[in-house]
Amino acid sequence: VAGRHGIAADVIGETIPEKLEISLDGRAAVSATVGELSTAYEGALEAALRTDPELVAAD
């Protein structure tokens, strides 16, 4: 799109339906579906705040 308007821009990626891929030095560093990422995001705070009752009682 930028080229059509005379604007120089480097290509840094491309869109892929329902998937996120991040490459580093030509190798995939991250590859996950949108569903996998959504599940991880939705449960992240709860998982981070969850504690093991036995560990809390030991303090």
N, C-alpha and C. Protein backbone atom coordinates (compact mmCIF):
# COMPACT_ATOMS: atom_id res chain seq x y z
N VAL A 1 0.83 -1.19 0.00
CA VAL A 1 0.00 0.00 0.00
C VAL A 1 0.87 1.25 0.00
N ALA A 2 1.92 1.25 0.82
CA ALA A 2 2.78 2.43 0.90
C ALA A 2 3.39 2.75 -0.46
N GLY A 3 3.84 1.72 -1.18
CA GLY A 3 4.46 1.92 -2.49
C GLY A 3 3.54 2.59 -3.49
N ARG A 4 2.26 2.27 -3.42
CA ARG A 4 1.29 2.89 -4.34
C ARG A 4 1.16 4.38 -4.10
N HIS A 5 1.55 4.83 -2.93
CA HIS A 5 1.45 6.25 -2.58
C HIS A 5 2.80 6.94 -2.54
N GLY A 6 3.83 6.25 -3.05
CA GLY A 6 5.16 6.84 -3.12
C GLY A 6 5.88 6.91 -1.79
N ILE A 7 5.50 6.07 -0.86
CA ILE A 7 6.13 6.05 0.46
C ILE A 7 6.98 4.80 0.58
N ALA A 8 8.24 4.97 0.99
CA ALA A 8 9.13 3.82 1.17
C ALA A 8 8.83 3.16 2.51
N ALA A 9 8.72 1.85 2.50
CA ALA A 9 8.47 1.11 3.74
C ALA A 9 9.06 -0.29 3.61
N ASP A 10 9.73 -0.75 4.65
CA ASP A 10 10.27 -2.11 4.66
C ASP A 10 9.16 -3.09 5.00
N VAL A 11 9.19 -4.25 4.37
CA VAL A 11 8.25 -5.32 4.71
C VAL A 11 8.77 -5.98 5.98
N ILE A 12 7.95 -5.97 7.02
CA ILE A 12 8.36 -6.58 8.29
C ILE A 12 7.54 -7.83 8.61
N GLY A 13 6.58 -8.14 7.77
CA GLY A 13 5.77 -9.33 8.02
C GLY A 13 4.64 -9.41 7.03
N GLU A 14 3.78 -10.38 7.25
CA GLU A 14 2.60 -10.54 6.42
C GLU A 14 1.48 -11.10 7.27
N THR A 15 0.27 -10.88 6.83
CA THR A 15 -0.86 -11.40 7.59
C THR A 15 -1.14 -12.84 7.20
N ILE A 16 -1.48 -13.63 8.20
CA ILE A 16 -1.83 -15.04 8.01
C ILE A 16 -3.13 -15.25 8.79
N PRO A 17 -4.19 -15.68 8.14
CA PRO A 17 -5.45 -15.86 8.86
C PRO A 17 -5.33 -16.83 10.04
N GLU A 18 -5.83 -16.41 11.18
CA GLU A 18 -5.95 -17.25 12.37
C GLU A 18 -4.64 -17.76 12.95
N LYS A 19 -3.51 -17.10 12.66
CA LYS A 19 -2.24 -17.58 13.18
C LYS A 19 -1.28 -16.42 13.39
N LEU A 20 -0.44 -16.52 14.41
CA LEU A 20 0.62 -15.55 14.64
C LEU A 20 1.94 -16.29 14.55
N GLU A 21 2.82 -15.79 13.71
CA GLU A 21 4.16 -16.36 13.61
C GLU A 21 5.16 -15.22 13.70
N ILE A 22 6.16 -15.39 14.54
CA ILE A 22 7.24 -14.42 14.67
C ILE A 22 8.53 -15.17 14.38
N SER A 23 9.28 -14.66 13.41
CA SER A 23 10.54 -15.30 13.03
C SER A 23 11.71 -14.44 13.46
N LEU A 24 12.79 -15.10 13.80
CA LEU A 24 14.03 -14.44 14.18
C LEU A 24 15.15 -15.13 13.42
N ASP A 25 15.88 -14.38 12.65
CA ASP A 25 16.96 -14.93 11.83
C ASP A 25 16.47 -16.06 10.93
N GLY A 26 15.26 -15.90 10.39
CA GLY A 26 14.72 -16.88 9.46
C GLY A 26 14.12 -18.12 10.10
N ARG A 27 14.13 -18.20 11.42
CA ARG A 27 13.57 -19.36 12.13
C ARG A 27 12.37 -18.92 12.95
N ALA A 28 11.34 -19.76 13.00
CA ALA A 28 10.14 -19.43 13.77
C ALA A 28 10.46 -19.40 15.26
N ALA A 29 10.28 -18.25 15.88
CA ALA A 29 10.48 -18.12 17.33
C ALA A 29 9.16 -18.35 18.06
N VAL A 30 8.07 -17.95 17.43
CA VAL A 30 6.72 -18.13 17.98
C VAL A 30 5.82 -18.56 16.84
N SER A 31 5.01 -19.56 17.09
CA SER A 31 4.02 -20.00 16.11
C SER A 31 2.83 -20.55 16.88
N ALA A 32 1.71 -19.84 16.81
CA ALA A 32 0.52 -20.25 17.56
C ALA A 32 -0.73 -19.78 16.85
N THR A 33 -1.81 -20.51 17.05
CA THR A 33 -3.08 -20.08 16.48
C THR A 33 -3.67 -18.99 17.36
N VAL A 34 -4.58 -18.23 16.79
CA VAL A 34 -5.25 -17.17 17.55
C VAL A 34 -6.00 -17.79 18.73
N GLY A 35 -6.59 -18.95 18.54
CA GLY A 35 -7.30 -19.64 19.62
C GLY A 35 -6.38 -19.99 20.78
N GLU A 36 -5.19 -20.48 20.48
CA GLU A 36 -4.22 -20.82 21.53
C GLU A 36 -3.80 -19.57 22.30
N LEU A 37 -3.56 -18.49 21.58
CA LEU A 37 -3.15 -17.25 22.22
C LEU A 37 -4.29 -16.67 23.06
N SER A 38 -5.51 -16.77 22.56
CA SER A 38 -6.66 -16.27 23.30
C SER A 38 -6.85 -17.03 24.60
N THR A 39 -6.73 -18.35 24.54
CA THR A 39 -6.88 -19.18 25.74
C THR A 39 -5.81 -18.83 26.77
N ALA A 40 -4.58 -18.66 26.33
CA ALA A 40 -3.50 -18.30 27.24
C ALA A 40 -3.73 -16.93 27.86
N TYR A 41 -4.18 -15.97 27.05
CA TYR A 41 -4.43 -14.61 27.53
C TYR A 41 -5.58 -14.59 28.53
N GLU A 42 -6.66 -15.27 28.19
CA GLU A 42 -7.85 -15.25 29.04
C GLU A 42 -7.58 -15.84 30.43
N GLY A 43 -6.70 -16.82 30.53
CA GLY A 43 -6.45 -17.47 31.82
C GLY A 43 -5.20 -17.00 32.52
N ALA A 44 -4.48 -16.05 31.94
CA ALA A 44 -3.17 -15.66 32.48
C ALA A 44 -3.25 -15.02 33.87
N LEU A 45 -4.14 -14.08 34.06
CA LEU A 45 -4.22 -13.40 35.35
C LEU A 45 -4.65 -14.36 36.45
N GLU A 46 -5.67 -15.15 36.18
CA GLU A 46 -6.13 -16.12 37.17
C GLU A 46 -5.02 -17.10 37.53
N ALA A 47 -4.30 -17.59 36.54
CA ALA A 47 -3.21 -18.53 36.80
C ALA A 47 -2.10 -17.87 37.61
N ALA A 48 -1.81 -16.62 37.32
CA ALA A 48 -0.74 -15.91 38.04
C ALA A 48 -1.12 -15.66 39.50
N LEU A 49 -2.41 -15.47 39.76
CA LEU A 49 -2.86 -15.17 41.12
C LEU A 49 -3.18 -16.42 41.93
N ARG A 50 -3.30 -17.55 41.26
CA ARG A 50 -3.64 -18.80 41.95
C ARG A 50 -2.46 -19.22 42.82
N THR A 51 -2.76 -19.63 44.04
CA THR A 51 -1.70 -20.11 44.94
C THR A 51 -2.06 -21.50 45.43
N ASP A 52 -1.07 -22.23 45.81
CA ASP A 52 -1.26 -23.57 46.37
C ASP A 52 -1.54 -23.40 47.86
N PRO A 53 -2.72 -23.81 48.35
CA PRO A 53 -3.06 -23.64 49.77
C PRO A 53 -2.04 -24.25 50.72
N GLU A 54 -1.41 -25.35 50.34
CA GLU A 54 -0.41 -25.97 51.20
C GLU A 54 0.82 -25.08 51.35
N LEU A 55 1.20 -24.39 50.28
CA LEU A 55 2.36 -23.50 50.36
C LEU A 55 2.04 -22.26 51.20
N VAL A 56 0.82 -21.75 51.10
CA VAL A 56 0.42 -20.58 51.88
C VAL A 56 0.37 -20.94 53.36
N ALA A 57 -0.14 -22.12 53.70
CA ALA A 57 -0.25 -22.56 55.09
C ALA A 57 1.12 -22.79 55.72
N ALA A 58 2.12 -23.10 54.91
CA ALA A 58 3.46 -23.37 55.43
C ALA A 58 4.15 -22.11 55.91
N ASP A 59 3.70 -20.95 55.45
CA ASP A 59 4.34 -19.68 55.86
C ASP A 59 3.92 -19.34 57.21
